[in-house]
PDB file of all heavy atoms in Angstrom:
ATOM      1  N   MET A   1     176.607  79.956 107.427  1.00  0.00           N
ATOM      2  CA  MET A   1     176.516  79.377 106.041  1.00  0.00           C
ATOM      3  C   MET A   1     177.926  79.431 105.484  1.00  0.00           C
ATOM      4  O   MET A   1     178.889  79.992 106.009  1.00  0.00           O
ATOM      5  CB  MET A   1     175.653  80.198 105.301  1.00  0.00           C
ATOM      6  CG  MET A   1     174.069  80.291 105.843  1.00  0.00           C
ATOM      7  SD  MET A   1     173.238  78.754 105.595  1.00  0.00           S
ATOM      8  CE  MET A   1     172.722  78.840 103.986  1.00  0.00           C
ATOM      9  N   PRO A   2     178.134  78.755 104.300  1.00  0.00           N
ATOM     10  CA  PRO A   2     179.534  78.739 103.744  1.00  0.00           C
ATOM     11  C   PRO A   2     179.891  80.225 103.474  1.00  0.00           C
ATOM     12  O   PRO A   2     181.237  80.433 103.487  1.00  0.00           O
ATOM     13  CB  PRO A   2     179.325  77.981 102.448  1.00  0.00           C
ATOM     14  CG  PRO A   2     178.286  77.065 102.729  1.00  0.00           C
ATOM     15  CD  PRO A   2     177.218  77.816 103.561  1.00  0.00           C
ATOM     16  N   ASP A   3     179.070  81.114 103.219  1.00  0.00           N
ATOM     17  CA  ASP A   3     179.482  82.425 102.809  1.00  0.00           C
ATOM     18  C   ASP A   3     179.162  83.535 103.831  1.00  0.00           C
ATOM     19  O   ASP A   3     178.829  84.665 103.487  1.00  0.00           O
ATOM     20  CB  ASP A   3     178.750  82.875 101.417  1.00  0.00           C
ATOM     21  CG  ASP A   3     177.256  82.776 101.546  1.00  0.00           C
ATOM     22  OD1 ASP A   3     176.783  82.213 102.505  1.00  0.00           O
ATOM     23  OD2 ASP A   3     176.621  83.114 100.567  1.00  0.00           O
ATOM     24  N   GLY A   4     178.995  83.154 105.009  1.00  0.00           N
ATOM     25  CA  GLY A   4     178.642  84.068 106.172  1.00  0.00           C
ATOM     26  C   GLY A   4     177.583  83.558 107.036  1.00  0.00           C
ATOM     27  O   GLY A   4     177.804  82.474 107.646  1.00  0.00           O
ATOM     28  N   VAL A   5     176.492  84.233 107.149  1.00  0.00           N
ATOM     29  CA  VAL A   5     175.417  83.690 108.037  1.00  0.00           C
ATOM     30  C   VAL A   5     174.064  83.938 107.385  1.00  0.00           C
ATOM     31  O   VAL A   5     174.032  84.828 106.410  1.00  0.00           O
ATOM     32  CB  VAL A   5     175.271  84.337 109.427  1.00  0.00           C
ATOM     33  CG1 VAL A   5     176.532  84.119 110.151  1.00  0.00           C
ATOM     34  CG2 VAL A   5     175.004  85.798 109.309  1.00  0.00           C
ATOM     35  N   MET A   6     173.116  83.150 107.625  1.00  0.00           N
ATOM     36  CA  MET A   6     171.692  83.323 107.257  1.00  0.00           C
ATOM     37  C   MET A   6     171.052  84.003 108.393  1.00  0.00           C
ATOM     38  O   MET A   6     171.143  83.511 109.598  1.00  0.00           O
ATOM     39  CB  MET A   6     170.999  81.967 106.987  1.00  0.00           C
ATOM     40  CG  MET A   6     169.455  82.130 106.764  1.00  0.00           C
ATOM     41  SD  MET A   6     168.589  80.610 106.821  1.00  0.00           S
ATOM     42  CE  MET A   6     169.207  79.682 105.414  1.00  0.00           C
ATOM     43  N   ALA A   7     170.403  85.240 108.260  1.00  0.00           N
ATOM     44  CA  ALA A   7     169.688  85.686 109.203  1.00  0.00           C
ATOM     45  C   ALA A   7     168.218  85.678 108.959  1.00  0.00           C
ATOM     46  O   ALA A   7     167.700  85.752 107.877  1.00  0.00           O
ATOM     47  CB  ALA A   7     170.042  87.281 109.237  1.00  0.00           C
ATOM     48  N   MET A   8     167.444  85.386 110.135  1.00  0.00           N
ATOM     49  CA  MET A   8     165.974  85.415 110.120  1.00  0.00           C
ATOM     50  C   MET A   8     165.464  86.069 111.349  1.00  0.00           C
ATOM     51  O   MET A   8     166.194  85.890 112.392  1.00  0.00           O
ATOM     52  CB  MET A   8     165.485  83.867 109.887  1.00  0.00           C
ATOM     53  CG  MET A   8     165.699  83.231 108.590  1.00  0.00           C
ATOM     54  SD  MET A   8     165.198  81.555 108.521  1.00  0.00           S
ATOM     55  CE  MET A   8     163.460  81.775 108.795  1.00  0.00           C
ATOM     56  N   GLY A   9     164.358  86.638 111.327  1.00  0.00           N
ATOM     57  CA  GLY A   9     163.866  87.249 112.529  1.00  0.00           C
ATOM     58  C   GLY A   9     162.408  87.746 112.334  1.00  0.00           C
ATOM     59  O   GLY A   9     161.806  87.774 111.145  1.00  0.00           O
ATOM     60  N   ASP A  10     161.933  88.111 113.418  1.00  0.00           N
ATOM     61  CA  ASP A  10     160.580  88.686 113.598  1.00  0.00           C
ATOM     62  C   ASP A  10     160.512  89.897 114.578  1.00  0.00           C
ATOM     63  O   ASP A  10     160.845  89.722 115.722  1.00  0.00           O
ATOM     64  CB  ASP A  10     159.688  87.517 114.120  1.00  0.00           C
ATOM     65  CG  ASP A  10     158.234  87.952 114.292  1.00  0.00           C
ATOM     66  OD1 ASP A  10     157.911  89.036 113.830  1.00  0.00           O
ATOM     67  OD2 ASP A  10     157.435  87.101 114.766  1.00  0.00           O
ATOM     68  N   LEU A  11     160.415  91.102 114.083  1.00  0.00           N
ATOM     69  CA  LEU A  11     160.501  92.304 114.863  1.00  0.00           C
ATOM     70  C   LEU A  11     159.112  92.744 115.267  1.00  0.00           C
ATOM     71  O   LEU A  11     158.201  92.872 114.482  1.00  0.00           O
ATOM     72  CB  LEU A  11     161.270  93.357 114.113  1.00  0.00           C
ATOM     73  CG  LEU A  11     162.667  92.944 113.543  1.00  0.00           C
ATOM     74  CD1 LEU A  11     163.348  94.017 112.901  1.00  0.00           C
ATOM     75  CD2 LEU A  11     163.507  92.390 114.567  1.00  0.00           C
ATOM     76  N   VAL A  12     158.835  93.080 116.566  1.00  0.00           N
ATOM     77  CA  VAL A  12     157.616  93.535 116.973  1.00  0.00           C
ATOM     78  C   VAL A  12     157.579  95.042 117.018  1.00  0.00           C
ATOM     79  O   VAL A  12     158.345  95.771 117.676  1.00  0.00           O
ATOM     80  CB  VAL A  12     157.317  92.974 118.464  1.00  0.00           C
ATOM     81  CG1 VAL A  12     155.892  93.441 118.842  1.00  0.00           C
ATOM     82  CG2 VAL A  12     157.432  91.476 118.572  1.00  0.00           C
ATOM     83  N   LEU A  13     156.655  95.620 116.141  1.00  0.00           N
ATOM     84  CA  LEU A  13     156.589  97.105 116.148  1.00  0.00           C
ATOM     85  C   LEU A  13     155.160  97.624 116.183  1.00  0.00           C
ATOM     86  O   LEU A  13     154.290  96.996 115.901  1.00  0.00           O
ATOM     87  CB  LEU A  13     157.147  97.431 114.634  1.00  0.00           C
ATOM     88  CG  LEU A  13     158.493  96.928 114.314  1.00  0.00           C
ATOM     89  CD1 LEU A  13     158.791  97.041 112.804  1.00  0.00           C
ATOM     90  CD2 LEU A  13     159.704  97.539 115.204  1.00  0.00           C
ATOM     91  N   LEU A  14     155.145  98.996 116.616  1.00  0.00           N
ATOM     92  CA  LEU A  14     154.046  99.693 116.502  1.00  0.00           C
ATOM     93  C   LEU A  14     153.772 100.233 115.033  1.00  0.00           C
ATOM     94  O   LEU A  14     154.750 100.164 114.231  1.00  0.00           O
ATOM     95  CB  LEU A  14     154.001 100.892 117.398  1.00  0.00           C
ATOM     96  CG  LEU A  14     154.128 100.686 119.030  1.00  0.00           C
ATOM     97  CD1 LEU A  14     154.226 101.882 119.737  1.00  0.00           C
ATOM     98  CD2 LEU A  14     152.920  99.831 119.396  1.00  0.00           C
ATOM     99  N   GLU A  15     152.537 100.535 114.695  1.00  0.00           N
ATOM    100  CA  GLU A  15     152.297 100.913 113.398  1.00  0.00           C
ATOM    101  C   GLU A  15     153.213 102.065 112.908  1.00  0.00           C
ATOM    102  O   GLU A  15     153.722 102.137 111.792  1.00  0.00           O
ATOM    103  CB  GLU A  15     150.834 101.455 113.252  1.00  0.00           C
ATOM    104  CG  GLU A  15     150.341 101.699 111.823  1.00  0.00           C
ATOM    105  CD  GLU A  15     148.844 101.978 111.764  1.00  0.00           C
ATOM    106  OE1 GLU A  15     148.096 102.054 112.863  1.00  0.00           O
ATOM    107  OE2 GLU A  15     148.416 102.351 110.541  1.00  0.00           O
ATOM    108  N   SER A  16     153.459 103.022 113.708  1.00  0.00           N
ATOM    109  CA  SER A  16     154.246 104.229 113.329  1.00  0.00           C
ATOM    110  C   SER A  16     155.742 103.912 113.124  1.00  0.00           C
ATOM    111  O   SER A  16     156.497 104.559 112.518  1.00  0.00           O
ATOM    112  CB  SER A  16     154.218 105.321 114.321  1.00  0.00           C
ATOM    113  OG  SER A  16     154.701 104.784 115.710  1.00  0.00           O
ATOM    114  N   GLU A  17     156.141 102.712 113.623  1.00  0.00           N
ATOM    115  CA  GLU A  17     157.552 102.267 113.526  1.00  0.00           C
ATOM    116  C   GLU A  17     157.877 101.460 112.363  1.00  0.00           C
ATOM    117  O   GLU A  17     159.086 101.278 111.870  1.00  0.00           O
ATOM    118  CB  GLU A  17     157.965 101.432 114.781  1.00  0.00           C
ATOM    119  CG  GLU A  17     157.808 102.241 116.095  1.00  0.00           C
ATOM    120  CD  GLU A  17     157.920 101.359 117.350  1.00  0.00           C
ATOM    121  OE1 GLU A  17     157.747 100.120 117.251  1.00  0.00           O
ATOM    122  OE2 GLU A  17     158.350 101.938 118.368  1.00  0.00           O
ATOM    123  N   ILE A  18     156.809 100.908 111.657  1.00  0.00           N
ATOM    124  CA  ILE A  18     157.167  99.977 110.634  1.00  0.00           C
ATOM    125  C   ILE A  18     157.969 100.487 109.419  1.00  0.00           C
ATOM    126  O   ILE A  18     159.004  99.874 109.148  1.00  0.00           O
ATOM    127  CB  ILE A  18     155.693  99.484 109.927  1.00  0.00           C
ATOM    128  CG1 ILE A  18     154.982  98.624 111.095  1.00  0.00           C
ATOM    129  CG2 ILE A  18     155.955  98.534 108.724  1.00  0.00           C
ATOM    130  CD1 ILE A  18     153.523  98.371 110.601  1.00  0.00           C
ATOM    131  N   ASN A  19     157.632 101.614 108.821  1.00  0.00           N
ATOM    132  CA  ASN A  19     158.308 102.072 107.637  1.00  0.00           C
ATOM    133  C   ASN A  19     159.661 102.686 107.963  1.00  0.00           C
ATOM    134  O   ASN A  19     160.564 102.394 107.270  1.00  0.00           O
ATOM    135  CB  ASN A  19     157.466 103.127 106.894  1.00  0.00           C
ATOM    136  CG  ASN A  19     156.431 102.263 105.920  1.00  0.00           C
ATOM    137  OD1 ASN A  19     156.907 101.675 104.925  1.00  0.00           O
ATOM    138  ND2 ASN A  19     155.297 102.221 106.189  1.00  0.00           N
ATOM    139  N   PRO A  20     159.878 103.416 109.126  1.00  0.00           N
ATOM    140  CA  PRO A  20     161.258 103.704 109.491  1.00  0.00           C
ATOM    141  C   PRO A  20     162.191 102.560 109.579  1.00  0.00           C
ATOM    142  O   PRO A  20     163.271 102.561 109.225  1.00  0.00           O
ATOM    143  CB  PRO A  20     161.115 104.524 110.764  1.00  0.00           C
ATOM    144  CG  PRO A  20     159.614 105.203 110.672  1.00  0.00           C
ATOM    145  CD  PRO A  20     158.851 104.055 109.986  1.00  0.00           C
ATOM    146  N   VAL A  21     161.709 101.558 110.383  1.00  0.00           N
ATOM    147  CA  VAL A  21     162.538 100.385 110.627  1.00  0.00           C
ATOM    148  C   VAL A  21     162.755  99.645 109.230  1.00  0.00           C
ATOM    149  O   VAL A  21     164.011  99.192 108.865  1.00  0.00           O
ATOM    150  CB  VAL A  21     161.813  99.311 111.591  1.00  0.00           C
ATOM    151  CG1 VAL A  21     162.506  98.018 111.522  1.00  0.00           C
ATOM    152  CG2 VAL A  21     161.842  99.949 113.001  1.00  0.00           C
ATOM    153  N   MET A  22     161.768  99.481 108.381  1.00  0.00           N
ATOM    154  CA  MET A  22     161.865  98.879 107.071  1.00  0.00           C
ATOM    155  C   MET A  22     162.946  99.568 106.233  1.00  0.00           C
ATOM    156  O   MET A  22     163.823  98.970 105.628  1.00  0.00           O
ATOM    157  CB  MET A  22     160.615  98.907 106.399  1.00  0.00           C
ATOM    158  CG  MET A  22     160.497  98.132 105.063  1.00  0.00           C
ATOM    159  SD  MET A  22     158.962  98.249 104.281  1.00  0.00           S
ATOM    160  CE  MET A  22     157.936  97.429 105.448  1.00  0.00           C
ATOM    161  N   SER A  23     162.939 100.801 106.238  1.00  0.00           N
ATOM    162  CA  SER A  23     163.887 101.639 105.393  1.00  0.00           C
ATOM    163  C   SER A  23     165.360 101.395 105.839  1.00  0.00           C
ATOM    164  O   SER A  23     166.213 101.195 105.004  1.00  0.00           O
ATOM    165  CB  SER A  23     163.655 103.167 105.368  1.00  0.00           C
ATOM    166  OG  SER A  23     162.412 103.404 104.835  1.00  0.00           O
ATOM    167  N   LYS A  24     165.564 101.260 107.171  1.00  0.00           N
ATOM    168  CA  LYS A  24     166.918 101.157 107.709  1.00  0.00           C
ATOM    169  C   LYS A  24     167.261  99.607 107.324  1.00  0.00           C
ATOM    170  O   LYS A  24     168.476  99.431 107.130  1.00  0.00           O
ATOM    171  CB  LYS A  24     166.871 101.310 109.197  1.00  0.00           C
ATOM    172  CG  LYS A  24     166.963 102.700 109.688  1.00  0.00           C
ATOM    173  CD  LYS A  24     168.474 103.297 109.314  1.00  0.00           C
ATOM    174  CE  LYS A  24     168.564 104.566 109.820  1.00  0.00           C
ATOM    175  NZ  LYS A  24     169.958 105.229 109.617  1.00  0.00           N
ATOM    176  N   LEU A  25     166.398  98.620 107.474  1.00  0.00           N
ATOM    177  CA  LEU A  25     166.855  97.313 107.088  1.00  0.00           C
ATOM    178  C   LEU A  25     167.124  97.133 105.647  1.00  0.00           C
ATOM    179  O   LEU A  25     168.200  96.531 105.305  1.00  0.00           O
ATOM    180  CB  LEU A  25     165.604  96.439 107.367  1.00  0.00           C
ATOM    181  CG  LEU A  25     165.189  96.083 108.722  1.00  0.00           C
ATOM    182  CD1 LEU A  25     163.746  95.409 108.825  1.00  0.00           C
ATOM    183  CD2 LEU A  25     166.203  95.216 109.496  1.00  0.00           C
ATOM    184  N   ILE A  26     166.479  97.818 104.729  1.00  0.00           N
ATOM    185  CA  ILE A  26     166.875  97.875 103.301  1.00  0.00           C
ATOM    186  C   ILE A  26     168.140  98.431 103.183  1.00  0.00           C
ATOM    187  O   ILE A  26     169.036  97.937 102.225  1.00  0.00           O
ATOM    188  CB  ILE A  26     165.650  98.600 102.491  1.00  0.00           C
ATOM    189  CG1 ILE A  26     164.446  97.764 102.639  1.00  0.00           C
ATOM    190  CG2 ILE A  26     166.065  98.780 100.985  1.00  0.00           C
ATOM    191  CD1 ILE A  26     163.147  98.469 102.069  1.00  0.00           C
ATOM    192  N   GLU A  27     168.307  99.710 103.820  1.00  0.00           N
ATOM    193  CA  GLU A  27     169.767 100.298 103.672  1.00  0.00           C
ATOM    194  C   GLU A  27     170.871  99.227 104.155  1.00  0.00           C
ATOM    195  O   GLU A  27     171.876  99.313 103.491  1.00  0.00           O
ATOM    196  CB  GLU A  27     169.854 101.488 104.591  1.00  0.00           C
ATOM    197  CG  GLU A  27     169.098 102.746 104.090  1.00  0.00           C
ATOM    198  CD  GLU A  27     169.272 103.775 105.131  1.00  0.00           C
ATOM    199  OE1 GLU A  27     170.296 103.814 105.891  1.00  0.00           O
ATOM    200  OE2 GLU A  27     168.367 104.701 105.168  1.00  0.00           O
ATOM    201  N   GLY A  28     170.533  98.506 105.043  1.00  0.00           N
ATOM    202  CA  GLY A  28     171.614  97.601 105.535  1.00  0.00           C
ATOM    203  C   GLY A  28     171.709  96.299 104.876  1.00  0.00           C
ATOM    204  O   GLY A  28     172.472  95.350 105.176  1.00  0.00           O
ATOM    205  N   GLY A  29     170.965  96.083 103.751  1.00  0.00           N
ATOM    206  CA  GLY A  29     171.121  94.880 102.967  1.00  0.00           C
ATOM    207  C   GLY A  29     170.205  93.744 103.273  1.00  0.00           C
ATOM    208  O   GLY A  29     170.458  92.641 102.890  1.00  0.00           O
TER     209      GLY A  29
END
């Protein structure tokens, strides 16, 4: 994109992994 990149994705997770992964994604912007 003009200001970097657009990121889109679909991560496959077990139930126990959802919120730990989510928290890290939020930390990373």
